């Protein structure tokens, strides 16, 4: 009887140890903003996860979705130099020259 009790206690102890060490992944809480595990943690604010922190961008592709003429610099979407979408974006006396099929171009003289 003592042996059966000892085996039952050992099995129970191993079970509790497994639960406490392994944990339940469903109970894991999302990191507190601006910390992140994945871009999913940042998507509500329109950001991406970069090195464990929510940032405006990680690559130029992240900025392209926000508009032409933007590039990712220092994890922020910044305007590209001399980039234009229309003649109105260029200094006086210059026109926006875009390659066929492109949403953006560069300002140049007439």
PDB file of N, CA and C in Angstrom:
ATOM      1  N   UNK A   1       0.817  -1.191   0.000  1.00  0.00           N
ATOM      2  CA  UNK A   1       0.000   0.000   0.000  1.00  0.00           C
ATOM      3  C   UNK A   1       0.867   1.264   0.000  1.00  0.00           C
ATOM      4  N   UNK A   2       1.951   1.203   0.800  1.00  0.00           N
ATOM      5  CA  UNK A   2       2.845   2.355   0.851  1.00  0.00           C
ATOM      6  C   UNK A   2       3.465   2.611  -0.523  1.00  0.00           C
ATOM      7  N   UNK A   3       3.786   1.527  -1.227  1.00  0.00           N
ATOM      8  CA  UNK A   3       4.405   1.660  -2.546  1.00  0.00           C
ATOM      9  C   UNK A   3       3.429   2.302  -3.530  1.00  0.00           C
ATOM     10  N   UNK A   4       2.176   1.917  -3.517  1.00  0.00           N
ATOM     11  CA  UNK A   4       1.151   2.489  -4.393  1.00  0.00           C
ATOM     12  C   UNK A   4       0.986   3.973  -4.100  1.00  0.00           C
ATOM     13  N   UNK A   5       0.986   4.335  -2.835  1.00  0.00           N
ATOM     14  CA  UNK A   5       0.861   5.737  -2.441  1.00  0.00           C
ATOM     15  C   UNK A   5       2.070   6.535  -2.935  1.00  0.00           C
ATOM     16  N   UNK A   6       3.255   5.983  -2.803  1.00  0.00           N
ATOM     17  CA  UNK A   6       4.480   6.654  -3.241  1.00  0.00           C
ATOM     18  C   UNK A   6       4.474   6.865  -4.754  1.00  0.00           C
ATOM     19  N   UNK A   7       4.002   5.863  -5.496  1.00  0.00           N
ATOM     20  CA  UNK A   7       3.919   5.994  -6.956  1.00  0.00           C
ATOM     21  C   UNK A   7       2.910   7.070  -7.330  1.00  0.00           C
ATOM     22  N   UNK A   8       1.783   7.105  -6.662  1.00  0.00           N
ATOM     23  CA  UNK A   8       0.758   8.114  -6.952  1.00  0.00           C
ATOM     24  C   UNK A   8       1.278   9.516  -6.669  1.00  0.00           C
ATOM     25  N   UNK A   9       1.989   9.688  -5.574  1.00  0.00           N
ATOM     26  CA  UNK A   9       2.557  10.989  -5.229  1.00  0.00           C
ATOM     27  C   UNK A   9       3.608  11.387  -6.267  1.00  0.00           C
ATOM     28  N   UNK A  10       4.429  10.447  -6.695  1.00  0.00           N
ATOM     29  CA  UNK A  10       5.456  10.740  -7.694  1.00  0.00           C
ATOM     30  C   UNK A  10       4.830  11.158  -9.017  1.00  0.00           C
ATOM     31  N   UNK A  11       3.793  10.449  -9.447  1.00  0.00           N
ATOM     32  CA  UNK A  11       3.105  10.799 -10.700  1.00  0.00           C
ATOM     33  C   UNK A  11       2.482  12.186 -10.587  1.00  0.00           C
ATOM     34  N   UNK A  12       1.856  12.480  -9.471  1.00  0.00           N
ATOM     35  CA  UNK A  12       1.250  13.790  -9.255  1.00  0.00           C
ATOM     36  C   UNK A  12       2.315  14.886  -9.267  1.00  0.00           C
ATOM     37  N   UNK A  13       3.442  14.649  -8.624  1.00  0.00           N
ATOM     38  CA  UNK A  13       4.525  15.633  -8.581  1.00  0.00           C
ATOM     39  C   UNK A  13       5.090  15.889  -9.967  1.00  0.00           C
ATOM     40  N   UNK A  14       5.286  14.836 -10.743  1.00  0.00           N
ATOM     41  CA  UNK A  14       5.798  14.990 -12.108  1.00  0.00           C
ATOM     42  C   UNK A  14       4.800  15.773 -12.957  1.00  0.00           C
ATOM     43  N   UNK A  15       3.526  15.490 -12.801  1.00  0.00           N
ATOM     44  CA  UNK A  15       2.491  16.214 -13.540  1.00  0.00           C
ATOM     45  C   UNK A  15       2.485  17.695 -13.202  1.00  0.00           C
ATOM     46  N   UNK A  16       2.577  18.023 -11.913  1.00  0.00           N
ATOM     47  CA  UNK A  16       2.604  19.434 -11.500  1.00  0.00           C
ATOM     48  C   UNK A  16       3.861  20.132 -12.003  1.00  0.00           C
ATOM     49  N   UNK A  17       4.982  19.422 -11.951  1.00  0.00           N
ATOM     50  CA  UNK A  17       6.226  19.994 -12.437  1.00  0.00           C
ATOM     51  C   UNK A  17       6.151  20.280 -13.937  1.00  0.00           C
ATOM     52  N   UNK A  18       5.575  19.378 -14.700  1.00  0.00           N
ATOM     53  CA  UNK A  18       5.446  19.556 -16.147  1.00  0.00           C
ATOM     54  C   UNK A  18       4.575  20.756 -16.468  1.00  0.00           C
ATOM     55  N   UNK A  19       3.482  20.924 -15.738  1.00  0.00           N
ATOM     56  CA  UNK A  19       2.579  22.057 -15.983  1.00  0.00           C
ATOM     57  C   UNK A  19       3.256  23.360 -15.618  1.00  0.00           C
ATOM     58  N   UNK A  20       3.972  23.392 -14.499  1.00  0.00           N
ATOM     59  CA  UNK A  20       4.593  24.645 -14.062  1.00  0.00           C
ATOM     60  C   UNK A  20       5.770  25.036 -14.942  1.00  0.00           C
ATOM     61  N   UNK A  21       6.502  24.071 -15.481  1.00  0.00           N
ATOM     62  CA  UNK A  21       7.654  24.391 -16.332  1.00  0.00           C
ATOM     63  C   UNK A  21       7.240  24.696 -17.762  1.00  0.00           C
ATOM     64  N   UNK A  22       6.353  23.871 -18.296  1.00  0.00           N
ATOM     65  CA  UNK A  22       5.957  24.040 -19.690  1.00  0.00           C
ATOM     66  C   UNK A  22       5.006  25.196 -19.865  1.00  0.00           C
ATOM     67  N   UNK A  23       4.155  25.385 -18.924  1.00  0.00           N
ATOM     68  CA  UNK A  23       3.173  26.448 -19.013  1.00  0.00           C
ATOM     69  C   UNK A  23       2.182  26.204 -20.130  1.00  0.00           C
ATOM     70  N   UNK A  24       1.129  26.947 -20.102  1.00  0.00           N
ATOM     71  CA  UNK A  24       0.107  26.859 -21.134  1.00  0.00           C
ATOM     72  C   UNK A  24       0.292  28.047 -22.055  1.00  0.00           C
ATOM     73  N   UNK A  25       0.622  27.821 -23.313  1.00  0.00           N
ATOM     74  CA  UNK A  25       0.905  28.912 -24.243  1.00  0.00           C
ATOM     75  C   UNK A  25      -0.297  29.821 -24.447  1.00  0.00           C
ATOM     76  N   UNK A  26      -1.491  29.310 -24.210  1.00  0.00           N
ATOM     77  CA  UNK A  26      -2.682  30.137 -24.393  1.00  0.00           C
ATOM     78  C   UNK A  26      -2.807  31.187 -23.294  1.00  0.00           C
ATOM     79  N   UNK A  27      -2.185  30.971 -22.149  1.00  0.00           N
ATOM     80  CA  UNK A  27      -2.277  31.946 -21.077  1.00  0.00           C
ATOM     81  C   UNK A  27      -1.205  33.021 -21.191  1.00  0.00           C
ATOM     82  N   UNK A  28      -0.285  32.881 -22.144  1.00  0.00           N
ATOM     83  CA  UNK A  28       0.762  33.885 -22.324  1.00  0.00           C
ATOM     84  C   UNK A  28       0.124  35.192 -22.772  1.00  0.00           C
ATOM     85  N   UNK A  29       0.450  36.258 -22.069  1.00  0.00           N
ATOM     86  CA  UNK A  29      -0.125  37.565 -22.392  1.00  0.00           C
ATOM     87  C   UNK A  29       0.732  38.272 -23.431  1.00  0.00           C
ATOM     88  N   UNK A  30       0.083  39.079 -24.247  1.00  0.00           N
ATOM     89  CA  UNK A  30       0.798  39.870 -25.248  1.00  0.00           C
ATOM     90  C   UNK A  30       1.652  40.907 -24.520  1.00  0.00           C
ATOM     91  N   UNK A  31       2.801  41.247 -25.078  1.00  0.00           N
ATOM     92  CA  UNK A  31       3.643  42.276 -24.458  1.00  0.00           C
ATOM     93  C   UNK A  31       2.911  43.618 -24.403  1.00  0.00           C
ATOM     94  N   UNK A  32       3.308  44.451 -23.478  1.00  0.00           N
ATOM     95  CA  UNK A  32       2.707  45.778 -23.335  1.00  0.00           C
ATOM     96  C   UNK A  32       3.348  46.708 -24.358  1.00  0.00           C
ATOM     97  N   UNK A  33       2.499  47.416 -25.136  1.00  0.00           N
ATOM     98  CA  UNK A  33       2.963  48.352 -26.156  1.00  0.00           C
ATOM     99  C   UNK A  33       3.930  49.345 -25.537  1.00  0.00           C
ATOM    100  N   UNK A  34       5.040  49.638 -26.166  1.00  0.00           N
ATOM    101  CA  UNK A  34       5.443  49.354 -27.538  1.00  0.00           C
ATOM    102  C   UNK A  34       6.230  48.053 -27.721  1.00  0.00           C
ATOM    103  N   UNK A  35       6.355  47.223 -26.691  1.00  0.00           N
ATOM    104  CA  UNK A  35       7.044  45.946 -26.858  1.00  0.00           C
ATOM    105  C   UNK A  35       6.188  45.023 -27.717  1.00  0.00           C
ATOM    106  N   UNK A  36       6.828  44.061 -28.416  1.00  0.00           N
ATOM    107  CA  UNK A  36       6.083  43.154 -29.280  1.00  0.00           C
ATOM    108  C   UNK A  36       6.827  41.842 -29.468  1.00  0.00           C
ATOM    109  N   UNK A  37       6.039  40.803 -29.776  1.00  0.00           N
ATOM    110  CA  UNK A  37       6.582  39.502 -30.159  1.00  0.00           C
ATOM    111  C   UNK A  37       6.468  39.317 -31.664  1.00  0.00           C
ATOM    112  N   UNK A  38       5.456  39.982 -32.256  1.00  0.00           N
ATOM    113  CA  UNK A  38       5.208  39.871 -33.694  1.00  0.00           C
ATOM    114  C   UNK A  38       4.489  41.126 -34.163  1.00  0.00           C
ATOM    115  N   UNK A  39       4.415  41.295 -35.462  1.00  0.00           N
ATOM    116  CA  UNK A  39       3.734  42.464 -36.027  1.00  0.00           C
ATOM    117  C   UNK A  39       2.266  42.498 -35.622  1.00  0.00           C
ATOM    118  N   UNK A  40       1.704  41.334 -35.342  1.00  0.00           N
ATOM    119  CA  UNK A  40       0.314  41.269 -34.900  1.00  0.00           C
ATOM    120  C   UNK A  40       0.097  42.131 -33.647  1.00  0.00           C
ATOM    121  N   UNK A  41       1.096  42.204 -32.764  1.00  0.00           N
ATOM    122  CA  UNK A  41       0.997  43.019 -31.557  1.00  0.00           C
ATOM    123  C   UNK A  41       0.965  44.512 -31.873  1.00  0.00           C
ATOM    124  N   UNK A  42       1.419  44.914 -33.052  1.00  0.00           N
ATOM    125  CA  UNK A  42       1.542  46.330 -33.416  1.00  0.00           C
ATOM    126  C   UNK A  42       0.496  46.782 -34.434  1.00  0.00           C
ATOM    127  N   UNK A  43      -0.212  45.844 -35.032  1.00  0.00           N
ATOM    128  CA  UNK A  43      -1.067  46.148 -36.178  1.00  0.00           C
ATOM    129  C   UNK A  43      -2.192  47.119 -35.850  1.00  0.00           C
ATOM    130  N   UNK A  44      -2.654  47.138 -34.621  1.00  0.00           N
ATOM    131  CA  UNK A  44      -3.741  48.062 -34.250  1.00  0.00           C
ATOM    132  C   UNK A  44      -3.327  49.518 -34.461  1.00  0.00           C
ATOM    133  N   UNK A  45      -2.048  49.807 -34.308  1.00  0.00           N
ATOM    134  CA  UNK A  45      -1.537  51.170 -34.493  1.00  0.00           C
ATOM    135  C   UNK A  45      -0.918  51.361 -35.877  1.00  0.00           C
ATOM    136  N   UNK A  46      -1.047  50.352 -36.751  1.00  0.00           N
ATOM    137  CA  UNK A  46      -0.502  50.459 -38.097  1.00  0.00           C
ATOM    138  C   UNK A  46       1.009  50.380 -38.135  1.00  0.00           C
ATOM    139  N   UNK A  47       1.599  49.695 -37.154  1.00  0.00           N
ATOM    140  CA  UNK A  47       3.046  49.589 -37.081  1.00  0.00           C
ATOM    141  C   UNK A  47       3.485  48.134 -37.281  1.00  0.00           C
ATOM    142  N   UNK A  48       4.795  47.932 -37.291  1.00  0.00           N
ATOM    143  CA  UNK A  48       5.361  46.595 -37.447  1.00  0.00           C
ATOM    144  C   UNK A  48       6.318  46.329 -36.289  1.00  0.00           C
ATOM    145  N   UNK A  49       6.557  45.046 -36.011  1.00  0.00           N
ATOM    146  CA  UNK A  49       7.466  44.653 -34.931  1.00  0.00           C
ATOM    147  C   UNK A  49       8.887  44.585 -35.470  1.00  0.00           C
ATOM    148  N   UNK A  50       9.780  45.383 -34.897  1.00  0.00           N
ATOM    149  CA  UNK A  50      11.185  45.417 -35.288  1.00  0.00           C
ATOM    150  C   UNK A  50      12.027  45.263 -34.022  1.00  0.00           C
ATOM    151  N   UNK A  51      12.772  44.174 -33.946  1.00  0.00           N
ATOM    152  CA  UNK A  51      13.645  43.915 -32.794  1.00  0.00           C
ATOM    153  C   UNK A  51      12.906  44.035 -31.456  1.00  0.00           C
ATOM    154  N   UNK A  52      11.686  43.498 -31.405  1.00  0.00           N
ATOM    155  CA  UNK A  52      10.928  43.458 -30.160  1.00  0.00           C
ATOM    156  C   UNK A  52      10.218  44.741 -29.782  1.00  0.00           C
ATOM    157  N   UNK A  53      10.189  45.717 -30.687  1.00  0.00           N
ATOM    158  CA  UNK A  53       9.508  46.988 -30.413  1.00  0.00           C
ATOM    159  C   UNK A  53       8.655  47.377 -31.623  1.00  0.00           C
ATOM    160  N   UNK A  54       7.478  47.945 -31.371  1.00  0.00           N
ATOM    161  CA  UNK A  54       6.614  48.416 -32.454  1.00  0.00           C
ATOM    162  C   UNK A  54       7.218  49.691 -33.039  1.00  0.00           C
ATOM    163  N   UNK A  55       7.354  49.691 -34.356  1.00  0.00           N
ATOM    164  CA  UNK A  55       7.925  50.839 -35.072  1.00  0.00           C
ATOM    165  C   UNK A  55       7.060  51.149 -36.290  1.00  0.00           C
ATOM    166  N   UNK A  56       7.199  52.355 -36.823  1.00  0.00           N
ATOM    167  CA  UNK A  56       6.422  52.761 -38.003  1.00  0.00           C
ATOM    168  C   UNK A  56       6.767  51.886 -39.205  1.00  0.00           C
ATOM    169  N   UNK A  57       8.049  51.521 -39.341  1.00  0.00           N
ATOM    170  CA  UNK A  57       8.458  50.690 -40.470  1.00  0.00           C
ATOM    171  C   UNK A  57       9.721  49.922 -40.143  1.00  0.00           C
ATOM    172  N   UNK A  58       9.906  48.857 -40.903  1.00  0.00           N
ATOM    173  CA  UNK A  58      11.132  48.081 -40.805  1.00  0.00           C
ATOM    174  C   UNK A  58      11.837  48.031 -42.146  1.00  0.00           C
ATOM    175  N   UNK A  59      11.040  48.188 -43.224  1.00  0.00           N
ATOM    176  CA  UNK A  59      11.577  48.192 -44.586  1.00  0.00           C
ATOM    177  C   UNK A  59      10.815  49.231 -45.405  1.00  0.00           C
ATOM    178  N   UNK A  60      11.318  49.516 -46.602  1.00  0.00           N
ATOM    179  CA  UNK A  60      10.640  50.465 -47.489  1.00  0.00           C
ATOM    180  C   UNK A  60       9.247  49.975 -47.875  1.00  0.00           C
ATOM    181  N   UNK A  61       9.042  48.659 -47.918  1.00  0.00           N
ATOM    182  CA  UNK A  61       7.724  48.113 -48.267  1.00  0.00           C
ATOM    183  C   UNK A  61       6.661  48.567 -47.272  1.00  0.00           C
ATOM    184  N   UNK A  62       7.040  48.694 -46.000  1.00  0.00           N
ATOM    185  CA  UNK A  62       6.089  49.141 -44.981  1.00  0.00           C
ATOM    186  C   UNK A  62       5.626  50.570 -45.260  1.00  0.00           C
ATOM    187  N   UNK A  63       6.488  51.392 -45.811  1.00  0.00           N
ATOM    188  CA  UNK A  63       6.144  52.783 -46.111  1.00  0.00           C
ATOM    189  C   UNK A  63       5.384  52.907 -47.429  1.00  0.00           C
ATOM    190  N   UNK A  64       5.689  52.048 -48.386  1.00  0.00           N
ATOM    191  CA  UNK A  64       5.034  52.109 -49.691  1.00  0.00           C
ATOM    192  C   UNK A  64       3.520  51.961 -49.532  1.00  0.00           C
ATOM    193  N   UNK A  65       3.100  51.190 -48.556  1.00  0.00           N
ATOM    194  CA  UNK A  65       1.664  51.009 -48.320  1.00  0.00           C
ATOM    195  C   UNK A  65       1.021  52.298 -47.817  1.00  0.00           C
ATOM    196  N   UNK A  66       1.821  53.206 -47.288  1.00  0.00           N
ATOM    197  CA  UNK A  66       1.302  54.473 -46.758  1.00  0.00           C
ATOM    198  C   UNK A  66       1.341  55.579 -47.795  1.00  0.00           C
ATOM    199  N   UNK A  67       1.962  55.323 -48.935  1.00  0.00           N
ATOM    200  CA  UNK A  67       1.971  56.311 -50.005  1.00  0.00           C
ATOM    201  C   UNK A  67       3.277  56.316 -50.777  1.00  0.00           C
ATOM    202  N   UNK A  68       3.183  56.726 -52.011  1.00  0.00           N
ATOM    203  CA  UNK A  68       4.374  56.843 -52.846  1.00  0.00           C
ATOM    204  C   UNK A  68       5.265  57.937 -52.270  1.00  0.00           C
ATOM    205  N   UNK A  69       6.504  57.905 -52.615  1.00  0.00           N
ATOM    206  CA  UNK A  69       7.495  58.905 -52.209  1.00  0.00           C
ATOM    207  C   UNK A  69       7.891  58.808 -50.739  1.00  0.00           C
ATOM    208  N   UNK A  70       7.638  57.670 -50.098  1.00  0.00           N
ATOM    209  CA  UNK A  70       8.068  57.473 -48.715  1.00  0.00           C
ATOM    210  C   UNK A  70       9.066  56.327 -48.662  1.00  0.00           C
ATOM    211  N   UNK A  71      10.047  56.464 -47.774  1.00  0.00           N
ATOM    212  CA  UNK A  71      11.027  55.405 -47.563  1.00  0.00           C
ATOM    213  C   UNK A  71      11.240  55.242 -46.064  1.00  0.00           C
ATOM    214  N   UNK A  72      11.699  54.078 -45.662  1.00  0.00           N
ATOM    215  CA  UNK A  72      11.942  53.795 -44.253  1.00  0.00           C
ATOM    216  C   UNK A  72      13.346  54.245 -43.879  1.00  0.00           C
ATOM    217  N   UNK A  73      13.430  55.178 -42.950  1.00  0.00           N
ATOM    218  CA  UNK A  73      14.718  55.675 -42.465  1.00  0.00           C
ATOM    219  C   UNK A  73      14.629  55.790 -40.946  1.00  0.00           C
ATOM    220  N   UNK A  74      15.442  55.023 -40.248  1.00  0.00           N
ATOM    221  CA  UNK A  74      15.409  55.064 -38.792  1.00  0.00           C
ATOM    222  C   UNK A  74      14.077  54.594 -38.237  1.00  0.00           C
ATOM    223  N   UNK A  75      13.453  53.638 -38.906  1.00  0.00           N
ATOM    224  CA  UNK A  75      12.150  53.068 -38.530  1.00  0.00           C
ATOM    225  C   UNK A  75      11.013  54.076 -38.583  1.00  0.00           C
ATOM    226  N   UNK A  76      11.188  55.124 -39.395  1.00  0.00           N
ATOM    227  CA  UNK A  76      10.130  56.112 -39.635  1.00  0.00           C
ATOM    228  C   UNK A  76       9.979  56.275 -41.137  1.00  0.00           C
ATOM    229  N   UNK A  77       8.755  56.492 -41.605  1.00  0.00           N
ATOM    230  CA  UNK A  77       8.506  56.742 -43.021  1.00  0.00           C
ATOM    231  C   UNK A  77       8.816  58.207 -43.311  1.00  0.00           C
ATOM    232  N   UNK A  78       9.827  58.421 -44.127  1.00  0.00           N
ATOM    233  CA  UNK A  78      10.287  59.770 -44.462  1.00  0.00           C
ATOM    234  C   UNK A  78      10.139  60.000 -45.960  1.00  0.00           C
ATOM    235  N   UNK A  79       9.901  61.255 -46.386  1.00  0.00           N
ATOM    236  CA  UNK A  79       9.807  61.542 -47.819  1.00  0.00           C
ATOM    237  C   UNK A  79      11.137  61.291 -48.526  1.00  0.00           C
ATOM    238  N   UNK A  80      11.049  60.719 -49.723  1.00  0.00           N
ATOM    239  CA  UNK A  80      12.237  60.535 -50.555  1.00  0.00           C
ATOM    240  C   UNK A  80      12.620  61.886 -51.145  1.00  0.00           C
ATOM    241  N   UNK A  81      13.898  62.139 -51.260  1.00  0.00           N
ATOM    242  CA  UNK A  81      14.375  63.397 -51.839  1.00  0.00           C
ATOM    243  C   UNK A  81      13.986  63.477 -53.307  1.00  0.00           C
ATOM    244  N   UNK A  82      13.507  64.641 -53.737  1.00  0.00           N
ATOM    245  CA  UNK A  82      13.200  64.938 -55.134  1.00  0.00           C
ATOM    246  C   UNK A  82      12.137  64.012 -55.724  1.00  0.00           C
ATOM    247  N   UNK A  83      11.319  63.421 -54.892  1.00  0.00           N
ATOM    248  CA  UNK A  83      10.271  62.505 -55.358  1.00  0.00           C
ATOM    249  C   UNK A  83       8.971  63.280 -55.544  1.00  0.00           C
ATOM    250  N   UNK A  84       8.211  62.878 -56.539  1.00  0.00           N
ATOM    251  CA  UNK A  84       6.943  63.560 -56.804  1.00  0.00           C
ATOM    252  C   UNK A  84       5.897  62.579 -57.321  1.00  0.00           C
ATOM    253  N   UNK A  85       4.652  62.961 -57.104  1.00  0.00           N
ATOM    254  CA  UNK A  85       3.525  62.197 -57.653  1.00  0.00           C
ATOM    255  C   UNK A  85       2.828  63.002 -58.747  1.00  0.00           C
ATOM    256  N   UNK A  86       3.021  64.322 -58.691  1.00  0.00           N
ATOM    257  CA  UNK A  86       2.438  65.204 -59.706  1.00  0.00           C
ATOM    258  C   UNK A  86       3.301  66.462 -59.812  1.00  0.00           C
ATOM    259  N   UNK A  87       3.032  67.288 -60.803  1.00  0.00           N
ATOM    260  CA  UNK A  87       3.787  68.525 -60.987  1.00  0.00           C
ATOM    261  C   UNK A  87       3.664  69.438 -59.766  1.00  0.00           C
ATOM    262  N   UNK A  88       2.559  69.341 -59.030  1.00  0.00           N
ATOM    263  CA  UNK A  88       2.338  70.186 -57.853  1.00  0.00           C
ATOM    264  C   UNK A  88       3.357  69.894 -56.746  1.00  0.00           C
ATOM    265  N   UNK A  89       3.971  68.730 -56.765  1.00  0.00           N
ATOM    266  CA  UNK A  89       4.966  68.371 -55.752  1.00  0.00           C
ATOM    267  C   UNK A  89       6.346  68.943 -56.055  1.00  0.00           C
ATOM    268  N   UNK A  90       6.511  69.537 -57.233  1.00  0.00           N
ATOM    269  CA  UNK A  90       7.822  70.017 -57.676  1.00  0.00           C
ATOM    270  C   UNK A  90       7.950  71.530 -57.504  1.00  0.00           C
ATOM    271  N   UNK A  91       9.205  72.009 -57.377  1.00  0.00           N
ATOM    272  CA  UNK A  91       9.429  73.458 -57.330  1.00  0.00           C
ATOM    273  C   UNK A  91       8.965  74.115 -58.636  1.00  0.00           C
ATOM    274  N   UNK A  92       8.724  75.396 -58.561  1.00  0.00           N
ATOM    275  CA  UNK A  92       8.271  76.145 -59.740  1.00  0.00           C
ATOM    276  C   UNK A  92       9.276  75.985 -60.881  1.00  0.00           C
ATOM    277  N   UNK A  93       8.760  75.772 -62.072  1.00  0.00           N
ATOM    278  CA  UNK A  93       9.597  75.609 -63.249  1.00  0.00           C
ATOM    279  C   UNK A  93      10.033  74.166 -63.486  1.00  0.00           C
ATOM    280  N   UNK A  94       9.574  73.235 -62.644  1.00  0.00           N
ATOM    281  CA  UNK A  94       9.927  71.829 -62.830  1.00  0.00           C
ATOM    282  C   UNK A  94       8.664  70.990 -62.968  1.00  0.00           C
ATOM    283  N   UNK A  95       8.803  69.843 -63.600  1.00  0.00           N
ATOM    284  CA  UNK A  95       7.686  68.921 -63.779  1.00  0.00           C
ATOM    285  C   UNK A  95       8.049  67.570 -63.176  1.00  0.00           C
ATOM    286  N   UNK A  96       7.019  66.833 -62.846  1.00  0.00           N
ATOM    287  CA  UNK A  96       7.207  65.493 -62.313  1.00  0.00           C
ATOM    288  C   UNK A  96       7.369  64.532 -63.487  1.00  0.00           C
ATOM    289  N   UNK A  97       8.509  63.877 -63.528  1.00  0.00           N
ATOM    290  CA  UNK A  97       8.787  62.928 -64.607  1.00  0.00           C
ATOM    291  C   UNK A  97       8.743  61.519 -64.016  1.00  0.00           C
ATOM    292  N   UNK A  98       7.750  60.760 -64.428  1.00  0.00           N
ATOM    293  CA  UNK A  98       7.600  59.393 -63.919  1.00  0.00           C
ATOM    294  C   UNK A  98       7.779  58.388 -65.042  1.00  0.00           C
ATOM    295  N   UNK A  99       8.342  57.249 -64.709  1.00  0.00           N
ATOM    296  CA  UNK A  99       8.470  56.177 -65.681  1.00  0.00           C
ATOM    297  C   UNK A  99       7.095  55.538 -65.855  1.00  0.00           C
ATOM    298  N   UNK A 100       6.791  55.049 -67.059  1.00  0.00           N
ATOM    299  CA  UNK A 100       5.487  54.424 -67.290  1.00  0.00           C
ATOM    300  C   UNK A 100       5.195  53.314 -66.272  1.00  0.00           C
ATOM    301  N   UNK A 101       3.989  53.361 -65.722  1.00  0.00           N
ATOM    302  CA  UNK A 101       3.559  52.337 -64.768  1.00  0.00           C
ATOM    303  C   UNK A 101       3.972  52.608 -63.332  1.00  0.00           C
ATOM    304  N   UNK A 102       4.715  53.673 -63.077  1.00  0.00           N
ATOM    305  CA  UNK A 102       5.165  54.009 -61.722  1.00  0.00           C
ATOM    306  C   UNK A 102       4.233  55.025 -61.097  1.00  0.00           C
ATOM    307  N   UNK A 103       4.068  54.962 -59.782  1.00  0.00           N
ATOM    308  CA  UNK A 103       3.222  55.915 -59.053  1.00  0.00           C
ATOM    309  C   UNK A 103       3.994  57.164 -58.664  1.00  0.00           C
ATOM    310  N   UNK A 104       5.304  57.131 -58.835  1.00  0.00           N
ATOM    311  CA  UNK A 104       6.127  58.251 -58.426  1.00  0.00           C
ATOM    312  C   UNK A 104       7.173  58.544 -59.483  1.00  0.00           C
ATOM    313  N   UNK A 105       7.703  59.744 -59.412  1.00  0.00           N
ATOM    314  CA  UNK A 105       8.741  60.154 -60.337  1.00  0.00           C
ATOM    315  C   UNK A 105       9.702  61.087 -59.645  1.00  0.00           C
ATOM    316  N   UNK A 106      10.477  61.821 -60.451  1.00  0.00           N
ATOM    317  CA  UNK A 106      11.404  62.806 -59.908  1.00  0.00           C
ATOM    318  C   UNK A 106      11.149  64.139 -60.567  1.00  0.00           C
ATOM    319  N   UNK A 107      11.399  65.192 -59.816  1.00  0.00           N
ATOM    320  CA  UNK A 107      11.215  66.537 -60.350  1.00  0.00           C
ATOM    321  C   UNK A 107      12.396  66.877 -61.262  1.00  0.00           C
ATOM    322  N   UNK A 108      12.090  67.503 -62.381  1.00  0.00           N
ATOM    323  CA  UNK A 108      13.133  67.906 -63.319  1.00  0.00           C
ATOM    324  C   UNK A 108      12.728  69.144 -64.079  1.00  0.00           C
ATOM    325  N   UNK A 109      13.696  69.750 -64.721  1.00  0.00           N
ATOM    326  CA  UNK A 109      13.424  70.976 -65.486  1.00  0.00           C
ATOM    327  C   UNK A 109      12.615  70.641 -66.713  1.00  0.00           C
ATOM    328  N   UNK A 110      11.920  71.638 -67.204  1.00  0.00           N
ATOM    329  CA  UNK A 110      11.051  71.464 -68.387  1.00  0.00           C
ATOM    330  C   UNK A 110      11.791  71.122 -69.611  1.00  0.00           C
TER     331      UNK A 110
END
